[in-house]
Amino acid sequence: MAEPLDDYIDAVSKALALPVDEAWRPAVRANLEVSLRLGRLVDEFALPDETEPAPIFTA
């Protein structure tokens, strides 16, 4: 049975017409796991309602 991340890799690879070689799948999966873990940390960080967005800086 395929894991959800494997299904996601297959779907995105197909949608982007970007073949993922079987040798690269473990690295792609590991990268997604790290990205999702870091994203979860950001998402779980509670901000007060009065928090203002940061200004935009341009160079």
PDB file of N, CA and C in Angstrom:
ATOM      1  N   MET A   1       0.839  -1.177   0.000  1.00  0.00           N
ATOM      2  CA  MET A   1       0.000   0.000   0.000  1.00  0.00           C
ATOM      3  C   MET A   1       0.891   1.249   0.000  1.00  0.00           C
ATOM      4  N   ALA A   2       0.603   2.177  -0.858  1.00  0.00           N
ATOM      5  CA  ALA A   2       1.404   3.390  -0.980  1.00  0.00           C
ATOM      6  C   ALA A   2       1.131   4.337   0.190  1.00  0.00           C
ATOM      7  N   GLU A   3       2.167   5.033   0.586  1.00  0.00           N
ATOM      8  CA  GLU A   3       2.057   6.052   1.625  1.00  0.00           C
ATOM      9  C   GLU A   3       1.475   7.326   1.015  1.00  0.00           C
ATOM     10  N   PRO A   4       0.814   8.168   1.830  1.00  0.00           N
ATOM     11  CA  PRO A   4       0.250   9.415   1.293  1.00  0.00           C
ATOM     12  C   PRO A   4       1.293  10.296   0.594  1.00  0.00           C
ATOM     13  N   LEU A   5       2.508  10.380   1.140  1.00  0.00           N
ATOM     14  CA  LEU A   5       3.529  11.198   0.485  1.00  0.00           C
ATOM     15  C   LEU A   5       3.929  10.613  -0.867  1.00  0.00           C
ATOM     16  N   ASP A   6       3.943   9.304  -0.970  1.00  0.00           N
ATOM     17  CA  ASP A   6       4.261   8.682  -2.264  1.00  0.00           C
ATOM     18  C   ASP A   6       3.180   9.009  -3.284  1.00  0.00           C
ATOM     19  N   ASP A   7       1.923   8.983  -2.845  1.00  0.00           N
ATOM     20  CA  ASP A   7       0.824   9.359  -3.734  1.00  0.00           C
ATOM     21  C   ASP A   7       0.950  10.829  -4.146  1.00  0.00           C
ATOM     22  N   TYR A   8       1.339  11.670  -3.200  1.00  0.00           N
ATOM     23  CA  TYR A   8       1.520  13.100  -3.491  1.00  0.00           C
ATOM     24  C   TYR A   8       2.652  13.299  -4.501  1.00  0.00           C
ATOM     25  N   ILE A   9       3.758  12.616  -4.303  1.00  0.00           N
ATOM     26  CA  ILE A   9       4.888  12.710  -5.236  1.00  0.00           C
ATOM     27  C   ILE A   9       4.440  12.296  -6.631  1.00  0.00           C
ATOM     28  N   ASP A  10       3.707  11.211  -6.725  1.00  0.00           N
ATOM     29  CA  ASP A  10       3.211  10.754  -8.030  1.00  0.00           C
ATOM     30  C   ASP A  10       2.303  11.792  -8.675  1.00  0.00           C
ATOM     31  N   ALA A  11       1.368  12.352  -7.893  1.00  0.00           N
ATOM     32  CA  ALA A  11       0.407  13.315  -8.436  1.00  0.00           C
ATOM     33  C   ALA A  11       1.096  14.602  -8.890  1.00  0.00           C
ATOM     34  N   VAL A  12       2.001  15.122  -8.080  1.00  0.00           N
ATOM     35  CA  VAL A  12       2.684  16.364  -8.433  1.00  0.00           C
ATOM     36  C   VAL A  12       3.623  16.141  -9.605  1.00  0.00           C
ATOM     37  N   SER A  13       4.295  15.013  -9.620  1.00  0.00           N
ATOM     38  CA  SER A  13       5.180  14.688 -10.729  1.00  0.00           C
ATOM     39  C   SER A  13       4.404  14.649 -12.042  1.00  0.00           C
ATOM     40  N   LYS A  14       3.232  14.054 -11.995  1.00  0.00           N
ATOM     41  CA  LYS A  14       2.391  13.979 -13.189  1.00  0.00           C
ATOM     42  C   LYS A  14       1.871  15.362 -13.579  1.00  0.00           C
ATOM     43  N   ALA A  15       1.400  16.131 -12.592  1.00  0.00           N
ATOM     44  CA  ALA A  15       0.836  17.455 -12.872  1.00  0.00           C
ATOM     45  C   ALA A  15       1.880  18.400 -13.464  1.00  0.00           C
ATOM     46  N   LEU A  16       3.107  18.273 -13.014  1.00  0.00           N
ATOM     47  CA  LEU A  16       4.174  19.156 -13.504  1.00  0.00           C
ATOM     48  C   LEU A  16       4.931  18.571 -14.693  1.00  0.00           C
ATOM     49  N   ALA A  17       4.534  17.383 -15.103  1.00  0.00           N
ATOM     50  CA  ALA A  17       5.240  16.665 -16.175  1.00  0.00           C
ATOM     51  C   ALA A  17       6.735  16.611 -15.873  1.00  0.00           C
ATOM     52  N   LEU A  18       7.035  16.285 -14.605  1.00  0.00           N
ATOM     53  CA  LEU A  18       8.400  16.229 -14.119  1.00  0.00           C
ATOM     54  C   LEU A  18       8.670  14.825 -13.599  1.00  0.00           C
ATOM     55  N   PRO A  19       9.296  14.000 -14.424  1.00  0.00           N
ATOM     56  CA  PRO A  19       9.525  12.625 -13.968  1.00  0.00           C
ATOM     57  C   PRO A  19      10.482  12.584 -12.771  1.00  0.00           C
ATOM     58  N   VAL A  20      10.162  11.731 -11.820  1.00  0.00           N
ATOM     59  CA  VAL A  20      11.013  11.526 -10.648  1.00  0.00           C
ATOM     60  C   VAL A  20      11.570  10.111 -10.741  1.00  0.00           C
ATOM     61  N   ASP A  21      12.856  10.023 -10.933  1.00  0.00           N
ATOM     62  CA  ASP A  21      13.524   8.725 -11.036  1.00  0.00           C
ATOM     63  C   ASP A  21      13.373   7.977  -9.708  1.00  0.00           C
ATOM     64  N   GLU A  22      13.203   6.689  -9.787  1.00  0.00           N
ATOM     65  CA  GLU A  22      13.025   5.877  -8.578  1.00  0.00           C
ATOM     66  C   GLU A  22      14.185   6.043  -7.603  1.00  0.00           C
ATOM     67  N   ALA A  23      15.378   6.275  -8.109  1.00  0.00           N
ATOM     68  CA  ALA A  23      16.533   6.463  -7.232  1.00  0.00           C
ATOM     69  C   ALA A  23      16.423   7.744  -6.414  1.00  0.00           C
ATOM     70  N   TRP A  24      15.671   8.725  -6.893  1.00  0.00           N
ATOM     71  CA  TRP A  24      15.522  10.006  -6.209  1.00  0.00           C
ATOM     72  C   TRP A  24      14.334  10.044  -5.257  1.00  0.00           C
ATOM     73  N   ARG A  25      13.433   9.085  -5.361  1.00  0.00           N
ATOM     74  CA  ARG A  25      12.211   9.108  -4.544  1.00  0.00           C
ATOM     75  C   ARG A  25      12.485   9.193  -3.036  1.00  0.00           C
ATOM     76  N   PRO A  26      13.429   8.429  -2.500  1.00  0.00           N
ATOM     77  CA  PRO A  26      13.681   8.554  -1.056  1.00  0.00           C
ATOM     78  C   PRO A  26      14.131   9.958  -0.651  1.00  0.00           C
ATOM     79  N   ALA A  27      14.950  10.606  -1.477  1.00  0.00           N
ATOM     80  CA  ALA A  27      15.402  11.961  -1.172  1.00  0.00           C
ATOM     81  C   ALA A  27      14.257  12.960  -1.290  1.00  0.00           C
ATOM     82  N   VAL A  28      13.408  12.804  -2.299  1.00  0.00           N
ATOM     83  CA  VAL A  28      12.258  13.687  -2.465  1.00  0.00           C
ATOM     84  C   VAL A  28      11.313  13.521  -1.284  1.00  0.00           C
ATOM     85  N   ARG A  29      11.081  12.284  -0.887  1.00  0.00           N
ATOM     86  CA  ARG A  29      10.198  11.996   0.244  1.00  0.00           C
ATOM     87  C   ARG A  29      10.770  12.595   1.531  1.00  0.00           C
ATOM     88  N   ALA A  30      12.071  12.438   1.769  1.00  0.00           N
ATOM     89  CA  ALA A  30      12.707  12.983   2.969  1.00  0.00           C
ATOM     90  C   ALA A  30      12.593  14.507   2.989  1.00  0.00           C
ATOM     91  N   ASN A  31      12.777  15.150   1.838  1.00  0.00           N
ATOM     92  CA  ASN A  31      12.666  16.598   1.756  1.00  0.00           C
ATOM     93  C   ASN A  31      11.244  17.045   2.085  1.00  0.00           C
ATOM     94  N   LEU A  32      10.267  16.344   1.567  1.00  0.00           N
ATOM     95  CA  LEU A  32       8.870  16.684   1.859  1.00  0.00           C
ATOM     96  C   LEU A  32       8.554  16.498   3.338  1.00  0.00           C
ATOM     97  N   GLU A  33       9.077  15.445   3.945  1.00  0.00           N
ATOM     98  CA  GLU A  33       8.835  15.211   5.367  1.00  0.00           C
ATOM     99  C   GLU A  33       9.391  16.360   6.209  1.00  0.00           C
ATOM    100  N   VAL A  34      10.596  16.817   5.884  1.00  0.00           N
ATOM    101  CA  VAL A  34      11.202  17.932   6.613  1.00  0.00           C
ATOM    102  C   VAL A  34      10.401  19.208   6.375  1.00  0.00           C
ATOM    103  N   SER A  35      10.041  19.466   5.121  1.00  0.00           N
ATOM    104  CA  SER A  35       9.274  20.677   4.795  1.00  0.00           C
ATOM    105  C   SER A  35       7.935  20.687   5.522  1.00  0.00           C
ATOM    106  N   LEU A  36       7.258  19.560   5.557  1.00  0.00           N
ATOM    107  CA  LEU A  36       5.969  19.485   6.254  1.00  0.00           C
ATOM    108  C   LEU A  36       6.132  19.661   7.758  1.00  0.00           C
ATOM    109  N   ARG A  37       7.192  19.088   8.320  1.00  0.00           N
ATOM    110  CA  ARG A  37       7.440  19.232   9.756  1.00  0.00           C
ATOM    111  C   ARG A  37       7.707  20.702  10.108  1.00  0.00           C
ATOM    112  N   LEU A  38       8.516  21.386   9.300  1.00  0.00           N
ATOM    113  CA  LEU A  38       8.801  22.796   9.546  1.00  0.00           C
ATOM    114  C   LEU A  38       7.558  23.662   9.340  1.00  0.00           C
ATOM    115  N   GLY A  39       6.783  23.343   8.317  1.00  0.00           N
ATOM    116  CA  GLY A  39       5.543  24.071   8.076  1.00  0.00           C
ATOM    117  C   GLY A  39       4.566  23.915   9.223  1.00  0.00           C
ATOM    118  N   ARG A  40       4.523  22.725   9.801  1.00  0.00           N
ATOM    119  CA  ARG A  40       3.639  22.468  10.944  1.00  0.00           C
ATOM    120  C   ARG A  40       4.050  23.333  12.140  1.00  0.00           C
ATOM    121  N   LEU A  41       5.365  23.494  12.356  1.00  0.00           N
ATOM    122  CA  LEU A  41       5.841  24.350  13.449  1.00  0.00           C
ATOM    123  C   LEU A  41       5.382  25.796  13.255  1.00  0.00           C
ATOM    124  N   VAL A  42       5.486  26.287  12.038  1.00  0.00           N
ATOM    125  CA  VAL A  42       5.055  27.659  11.745  1.00  0.00           C
ATOM    126  C   VAL A  42       3.548  27.777  11.937  1.00  0.00           C
ATOM    127  N   ASP A  43       2.806  26.815  11.430  1.00  0.00           N
ATOM    128  CA  ASP A  43       1.347  26.851  11.528  1.00  0.00           C
ATOM    129  C   ASP A  43       0.861  26.794  12.970  1.00  0.00           C
ATOM    130  N   GLU A  44       1.564  26.067  13.828  1.00  0.00           N
ATOM    131  CA  GLU A  44       1.140  25.910  15.216  1.00  0.00           C
ATOM    132  C   GLU A  44       1.545  27.084  16.098  1.00  0.00           C
ATOM    133  N   PHE A  45       2.375  27.988  15.600  1.00  0.00           N
ATOM    134  CA  PHE A  45       2.812  29.130  16.394  1.00  0.00           C
ATOM    135  C   PHE A  45       1.671  30.130  16.495  1.00  0.00           C
ATOM    136  N   ALA A  46       1.199  30.316  17.710  1.00  0.00           N
ATOM    137  CA  ALA A  46       0.045  31.202  17.933  1.00  0.00           C
ATOM    138  C   ALA A  46       0.482  32.666  17.898  1.00  0.00           C
ATOM    139  N   LEU A  47      -0.255  33.457  17.150  1.00  0.00           N
ATOM    140  CA  LEU A  47      -0.022  34.895  17.098  1.00  0.00           C
ATOM    141  C   LEU A  47      -1.232  35.609  17.681  1.00  0.00           C
ATOM    142  N   PRO A  48      -0.994  36.678  18.448  1.00  0.00           N
ATOM    143  CA  PRO A  48      -2.133  37.437  18.963  1.00  0.00           C
ATOM    144  C   PRO A  48      -2.887  38.106  17.814  1.00  0.00           C
ATOM    145  N   ASP A  49      -4.165  38.381  18.034  1.00  0.00           N
ATOM    146  CA  ASP A  49      -4.996  38.998  17.006  1.00  0.00           C
ATOM    147  C   ASP A  49      -4.490  40.380  16.593  1.00  0.00           C
ATOM    148  N   GLU A  50      -3.833  41.080  17.515  1.00  0.00           N
ATOM    149  CA  GLU A  50      -3.374  42.434  17.190  1.00  0.00           C
ATOM    150  C   GLU A  50      -2.019  42.464  16.486  1.00  0.00           C
ATOM    151  N   THR A  51      -1.484  41.337  16.124  1.00  0.00           N
ATOM    152  CA  THR A  51      -0.204  41.281  15.419  1.00  0.00           C
ATOM    153  C   THR A  51      -0.346  41.922  14.039  1.00  0.00           C
ATOM    154  N   GLU A  52       0.573  42.792  13.718  1.00  0.00           N
ATOM    155  CA  GLU A  52       0.569  43.487  12.431  1.00  0.00           C
ATOM    156  C   GLU A  52       1.560  42.814  11.483  1.00  0.00           C
ATOM    157  N   PRO A  53       1.274  42.810  10.200  1.00  0.00           N
ATOM    158  CA  PRO A  53       2.234  42.255   9.262  1.00  0.00           C
ATOM    159  C   PRO A  53       3.485  43.125   9.200  1.00  0.00           C
ATOM    160  N   ALA A  54       4.591  42.501   8.891  1.00  0.00           N
ATOM    161  CA  ALA A  54       5.851  43.232   8.779  1.00  0.00           C
ATOM    162  C   ALA A  54       5.812  44.112   7.544  1.00  0.00           C
ATOM    163  N   PRO A  55       6.512  45.261   7.596  1.00  0.00           N
ATOM    164  CA  PRO A  55       6.576  46.101   6.409  1.00  0.00           C
ATOM    165  C   PRO A  55       7.371  45.400   5.301  1.00  0.00           C
ATOM    166  N   ILE A  56       7.200  45.861   4.109  1.00  0.00           N
ATOM    167  CA  ILE A  56       7.913  45.293   2.966  1.00  0.00           C
ATOM    168  C   ILE A  56       9.171  46.115   2.729  1.00  0.00           C
ATOM    169  N   PHE A  57      10.304  45.444   2.708  1.00  0.00           N
ATOM    170  CA  PHE A  57      11.576  46.094   2.442  1.00  0.00           C
ATOM    171  C   PHE A  57      12.032  45.721   1.036  1.00  0.00           C
ATOM    172  N   THR A  58      12.456  46.682   0.279  1.00  0.00           N
ATOM    173  CA  THR A  58      12.984  46.422  -1.061  1.00  0.00           C
ATOM    174  C   THR A  58      14.373  47.007  -1.145  1.00  0.00           C
ATOM    175  N   ALA A  59      15.198  46.383  -1.949  1.00  0.00           N
ATOM    176  CA  ALA A  59      16.579  46.867  -2.126  1.00  0.00           C
ATOM    177  C   ALA A  59      16.701  47.653  -3.405  1.00  0.00           C
TER     178      ALA A  59
END
